[in-house]
Amino acid sequence: MENIQHSIVRTNGINMHIASIGTGPVILFLHGFPELWYSWRHQLLSLSSLGYRCISPDLLGYGDTDAPPSPTQYTALHVVGDLVGLLDYLGIDQVFLVAHDWAPSMACKATYFPATVVVSFVEGIELYKPPVVFLLLVAELGLTAQWTGL
């Protein structure tokens, strides 16, 4: 799509696909579930035209990014580790972070690294306490706190 560049970056033991465009201050876009970098294509094009470097990775196990070798590595903190590794690899010190859908849980954890990762924090949706019915479904499916963040 219109000058969006695609590359594979080795980070945190996985190969991560990223889509990027532009120069200037960096905006890192985190997609929702089940989505890809492509969800942000319009924002990448629009904001890069305003002087921003826009980067949107396929997160862990999505699109052209590797899945981890073990299901126990599907955690928000692992994804944050991937993102920190990505920024280190690209030589980026600070980013504006935009997250959508399930990604705000990772974006919140990215604030554990304020000096290196987050300059500004924007969520695509509000985090909320889920209804009891959702919590019962989580328990029935055997999903762990590592996976759900709950």
C-alpha atoms as a PDB file:
ATOM      1  CA  MET A   1       0.000   0.000   0.000  1.00  0.00           C
ATOM      2  CA  GLU A   2       1.222   3.462  -0.901  1.00  0.00           C
ATOM      3  CA  ASN A   3       4.871   3.359   0.224  1.00  0.00           C
ATOM      4  CA  ILE A   4       4.295   1.330   3.380  1.00  0.00           C
ATOM      5  CA  GLN A   5       7.460  -0.719   3.857  1.00  0.00           C
ATOM      6  CA  HIS A   6       7.393  -4.243   5.239  1.00  0.00           C
ATOM      7  CA  SER A   7      10.254  -5.928   7.038  1.00  0.00           C
ATOM      8  CA  ILE A   8      11.001  -8.761   9.425  1.00  0.00           C
ATOM      9  CA  VAL A   9      12.875  -7.905  12.625  1.00  0.00           C
ATOM     10  CA  ARG A  10      14.457 -10.467  14.953  1.00  0.00           C
ATOM     11  CA  THR A  11      13.383  -9.557  18.481  1.00  0.00           C
ATOM     12  CA  ASN A  12      13.088 -11.408  21.766  1.00  0.00           C
ATOM     13  CA  GLY A  13      13.752 -14.742  20.027  1.00  0.00           C
ATOM     14  CA  ILE A  14      11.077 -14.367  17.340  1.00  0.00           C
ATOM     15  CA  ASN A  15      10.786 -12.914  13.849  1.00  0.00           C
ATOM     16  CA  MET A  16       8.375  -9.977  13.924  1.00  0.00           C
ATOM     17  CA  HIS A  17       6.735  -8.483  10.837  1.00  0.00           C
ATOM     18  CA  ILE A  18       6.425  -4.704  10.843  1.00  0.00           C
ATOM     19  CA  ALA A  19       4.818  -2.232   8.490  1.00  0.00           C
ATOM     20  CA  SER A  20       6.295   1.262   8.600  1.00  0.00           C
ATOM     21  CA  ILE A  21       6.187   4.565   6.805  1.00  0.00           C
ATOM     22  CA  GLY A  22       7.388   8.120   7.342  1.00  0.00           C
ATOM     23  CA  THR A  23      10.035   9.985   9.303  1.00  0.00           C
ATOM     24  CA  GLY A  24       9.920  12.007  12.489  1.00  0.00           C
ATOM     25  CA  PRO A  25       8.582  11.250  15.958  1.00  0.00           C
ATOM     26  CA  VAL A  26       7.508   7.606  16.171  1.00  0.00           C
ATOM     27  CA  ILE A  27       3.966   6.363  16.662  1.00  0.00           C
ATOM     28  CA  LEU A  28       3.698   2.645  17.442  1.00  0.00           C
ATOM     29  CA  PHE A  29       0.300   1.111  16.665  1.00  0.00           C
ATOM     30  CA  LEU A  30      -0.829  -2.109  18.374  1.00  0.00           C
ATOM     31  CA  HIS A  31      -3.637  -4.019  16.688  1.00  0.00           C
ATOM     32  CA  GLY A  32      -6.631  -5.737  18.222  1.00  0.00           C
ATOM     33  CA  PHE A  33      -7.876  -9.332  18.258  1.00  0.00           C
ATOM     34  CA  PRO A  34      -7.988 -10.974  15.772  1.00  0.00           C
ATOM     35  CA  GLU A  35      -6.382  -8.368  13.559  1.00  0.00           C
ATOM     36  CA  LEU A  36      -3.068  -7.463  11.917  1.00  0.00           C
ATOM     37  CA  TRP A  37      -0.979  -4.352  11.225  1.00  0.00           C
ATOM     38  CA  TYR A  38      -3.408  -3.765   8.332  1.00  0.00           C
ATOM     39  CA  SER A  39      -6.059  -2.472  10.749  1.00  0.00           C
ATOM     40  CA  TRP A  40      -3.971   0.692  11.101  1.00  0.00           C
ATOM     41  CA  ARG A  41      -3.199   1.259   7.391  1.00  0.00           C
ATOM     42  CA  HIS A  42      -5.272   4.437   7.098  1.00  0.00           C
ATOM     43  CA  GLN A  43      -3.742   5.951  10.236  1.00  0.00           C
ATOM     44  CA  LEU A  44      -0.226   5.041   9.053  1.00  0.00           C
ATOM     45  CA  LEU A  45      -0.776   6.851   5.765  1.00  0.00           C
ATOM     46  CA  SER A  46      -2.494   9.863   7.291  1.00  0.00           C
ATOM     47  CA  LEU A  47      -0.120  10.470  10.195  1.00  0.00           C
ATOM     48  CA  SER A  48       3.032   9.807   8.176  1.00  0.00           C
ATOM     49  CA  SER A  49       1.906  12.594   5.841  1.00  0.00           C
ATOM     50  CA  LEU A  50       1.905  14.897   8.890  1.00  0.00           C
ATOM     51  CA  GLY A  51       5.548  14.193   9.736  1.00  0.00           C
ATOM     52  CA  TYR A  52       5.413  11.069  11.900  1.00  0.00           C
ATOM     53  CA  ARG A  53       7.198   7.760  11.534  1.00  0.00           C
ATOM     54  CA  CYS A  54       4.431   5.193  11.903  1.00  0.00           C
ATOM     55  CA  ILE A  55       5.122   1.563  12.788  1.00  0.00           C
ATOM     56  CA  SER A  56       2.579  -1.209  13.107  1.00  0.00           C
ATOM     57  CA  PRO A  57       3.778  -4.732  13.910  1.00  0.00           C
ATOM     58  CA  ASP A  58       1.922  -7.991  13.638  1.00  0.00           C
ATOM     59  CA  LEU A  59       1.910  -8.951  17.311  1.00  0.00           C
ATOM     60  CA  LEU A  60       3.066 -12.307  18.681  1.00  0.00           C
ATOM     61  CA  GLY A  61       1.535 -15.187  16.716  1.00  0.00           C
ATOM     62  CA  TYR A  62      -0.351 -12.964  14.254  1.00  0.00           C
ATOM     63  CA  GLY A  63       0.189 -12.490  10.525  1.00  0.00           C
ATOM     64  CA  ASP A  64       3.818 -12.895   9.533  1.00  0.00           C
ATOM     65  CA  THR A  65       5.132 -12.734  13.118  1.00  0.00           C
ATOM     66  CA  ASP A  66       6.265 -16.003  14.666  1.00  0.00           C
ATOM     67  CA  ALA A  67       4.226 -17.806  17.272  1.00  0.00           C
ATOM     68  CA  PRO A  68       6.146 -18.569  20.450  1.00  0.00           C
ATOM     69  CA  PRO A  69       7.453 -22.106  20.976  1.00  0.00           C
ATOM     70  CA  SER A  70       5.295 -22.547  24.091  1.00  0.00           C
ATOM     71  CA  PRO A  71       1.725 -21.402  24.845  1.00  0.00           C
ATOM     72  CA  THR A  72       3.001 -20.143  28.209  1.00  0.00           C
ATOM     73  CA  GLN A  73       4.814 -17.414  26.265  1.00  0.00           C
ATOM     74  CA  TYR A  74       1.538 -15.884  25.048  1.00  0.00           C
ATOM     75  CA  THR A  75       1.465 -13.200  27.715  1.00  0.00           C
ATOM     76  CA  ALA A  76       1.140  -9.441  27.682  1.00  0.00           C
ATOM     77  CA  LEU A  77       4.616  -9.126  29.189  1.00  0.00           C
ATOM     78  CA  HIS A  78       6.113 -11.295  26.433  1.00  0.00           C
ATOM     79  CA  VAL A  79       4.494  -9.031  23.844  1.00  0.00           C
ATOM     80  CA  VAL A  80       5.902  -5.984  25.652  1.00  0.00           C
ATOM     81  CA  GLY A  81       9.323  -7.666  25.599  1.00  0.00           C
ATOM     82  CA  ASP A  82       8.940  -8.138  21.852  1.00  0.00           C
ATOM     83  CA  LEU A  83       8.084  -4.463  21.438  1.00  0.00           C
ATOM     84  CA  VAL A  84      10.974  -3.278  23.606  1.00  0.00           C
ATOM     85  CA  GLY A  85      13.283  -5.506  21.533  1.00  0.00           C
ATOM     86  CA  LEU A  86      11.793  -4.096  18.328  1.00  0.00           C
ATOM     87  CA  LEU A  87      12.417  -0.523  19.447  1.00  0.00           C
ATOM     88  CA  ASP A  88      15.963  -1.382  20.537  1.00  0.00           C
ATOM     89  CA  TYR A  89      16.643  -3.023  17.172  1.00  0.00           C
ATOM     90  CA  LEU A  90      15.330   0.028  15.320  1.00  0.00           C
ATOM     91  CA  GLY A  91      17.274   2.426  17.571  1.00  0.00           C
ATOM     92  CA  ILE A  92      14.115   4.152  18.783  1.00  0.00           C
ATOM     93  CA  ASP A  93      14.243   5.732  22.245  1.00  0.00           C
ATOM     94  CA  GLN A  94      10.662   6.939  22.649  1.00  0.00           C
ATOM     95  CA  VAL A  95       7.293   6.379  21.012  1.00  0.00           C
ATOM     96  CA  PHE A  96       3.738   7.555  21.095  1.00  0.00           C
ATOM     97  CA  LEU A  97       1.760   4.376  21.708  1.00  0.00           C
ATOM     98  CA  VAL A  98      -1.696   3.746  20.234  1.00  0.00           C
ATOM     99  CA  ALA A  99      -3.526   0.556  21.167  1.00  0.00           C
ATOM    100  CA  HIS A 100      -6.870  -0.928  20.165  1.00  0.00           C
ATOM    101  CA  ASP A 101      -9.192  -3.690  21.392  1.00  0.00           C
ATOM    102  CA  TRP A 102      -7.148  -6.182  23.480  1.00  0.00           C
ATOM    103  CA  ALA A 103      -3.820  -4.379  22.968  1.00  0.00           C
ATOM    104  CA  PRO A 104      -4.384  -1.777  25.721  1.00  0.00           C
ATOM    105  CA  SER A 105      -3.533  -4.483  28.253  1.00  0.00           C
ATOM    106  CA  MET A 106      -0.094  -4.717  26.621  1.00  0.00           C
ATOM    107  CA  ALA A 107       0.117  -0.953  26.296  1.00  0.00           C
ATOM    108  CA  CYS A 108      -0.533  -0.562  30.030  1.00  0.00           C
ATOM    109  CA  LYS A 109       2.319  -2.953  30.765  1.00  0.00           C
ATOM    110  CA  ALA A 110       4.549  -1.010  28.361  1.00  0.00           C
ATOM    111  CA  THR A 111       4.363   1.836  30.851  1.00  0.00           C
ATOM    112  CA  TYR A 112       6.652  -0.302  33.047  1.00  0.00           C
ATOM    113  CA  PHE A 113       9.376   1.025  30.702  1.00  0.00           C
ATOM    114  CA  PRO A 114       8.567   4.755  30.641  1.00  0.00           C
ATOM    115  CA  ALA A 115      12.097   5.926  29.920  1.00  0.00           C
ATOM    116  CA  THR A 116      12.430   3.800  26.811  1.00  0.00           C
ATOM    117  CA  VAL A 117       8.996   3.006  25.493  1.00  0.00           C
ATOM    118  CA  VAL A 118       6.156   5.381  26.204  1.00  0.00           C
ATOM    119  CA  VAL A 119       6.061   9.123  25.671  1.00  0.00           C
ATOM    120  CA  SER A 120       2.302   9.315  25.343  1.00  0.00           C
ATOM    121  CA  PHE A 121      -0.345   6.687  25.850  1.00  0.00           C
ATOM    122  CA  VAL A 122      -3.641   6.423  23.989  1.00  0.00           C
ATOM    123  CA  GLU A 123      -6.102   3.564  24.157  1.00  0.00           C
ATOM    124  CA  GLY A 124      -8.482   2.611  21.395  1.00  0.00           C
ATOM    125  CA  ILE A 125     -11.067   1.543  23.963  1.00  0.00           C
ATOM    126  CA  GLU A 126     -11.425   1.905  27.687  1.00  0.00           C
ATOM    127  CA  LEU A 127     -10.272  -0.892  29.927  1.00  0.00           C
ATOM    128  CA  TYR A 128     -13.129  -2.068  32.055  1.00  0.00           C
ATOM    129  CA  LYS A 129     -13.942  -4.705  34.621  1.00  0.00           C
ATOM    130  CA  PRO A 130     -15.626  -7.478  32.644  1.00  0.00           C
ATOM    131  CA  PRO A 131     -19.029  -8.815  33.660  1.00  0.00           C
ATOM    132  CA  VAL A 132     -19.193 -11.928  35.831  1.00  0.00           C
ATOM    133  CA  VAL A 133     -20.423 -13.962  32.838  1.00  0.00           C
ATOM    134  CA  PHE A 134     -17.131 -13.268  31.034  1.00  0.00           C
ATOM    135  CA  LEU A 135     -15.119 -14.251  34.099  1.00  0.00           C
ATOM    136  CA  LEU A 136     -17.066 -17.527  34.335  1.00  0.00           C
ATOM    137  CA  LEU A 137     -16.339 -18.232  30.660  1.00  0.00           C
ATOM    138  CA  VAL A 138     -12.648 -17.507  31.224  1.00  0.00           C
ATOM    139  CA  ALA A 139     -12.625 -19.987  34.119  1.00  0.00           C
ATOM    140  CA  GLU A 140     -14.564 -22.602  32.105  1.00  0.00           C
ATOM    141  CA  LEU A 141     -12.115 -22.349  29.214  1.00  0.00           C
ATOM    142  CA  GLY A 142      -9.219 -22.677  31.635  1.00  0.00           C
ATOM    143  CA  LEU A 143      -7.642 -19.424  30.513  1.00  0.00           C
ATOM    144  CA  THR A 144      -4.976 -18.177  32.850  1.00  0.00           C
ATOM    145  CA  ALA A 145      -4.362 -14.763  34.328  1.00  0.00           C
ATOM    146  CA  GLN A 146      -1.225 -14.615  32.180  1.00  0.00           C
ATOM    147  CA  TRP A 147      -3.404 -14.831  29.068  1.00  0.00           C
ATOM    148  CA  THR A 148      -6.299 -12.662  30.151  1.00  0.00           C
ATOM    149  CA  GLY A 149      -4.531 -10.139  32.365  1.00  0.00           C
ATOM    150  CA  LEU A 150      -7.368 -10.587  34.899  1.00  0.00           C
END
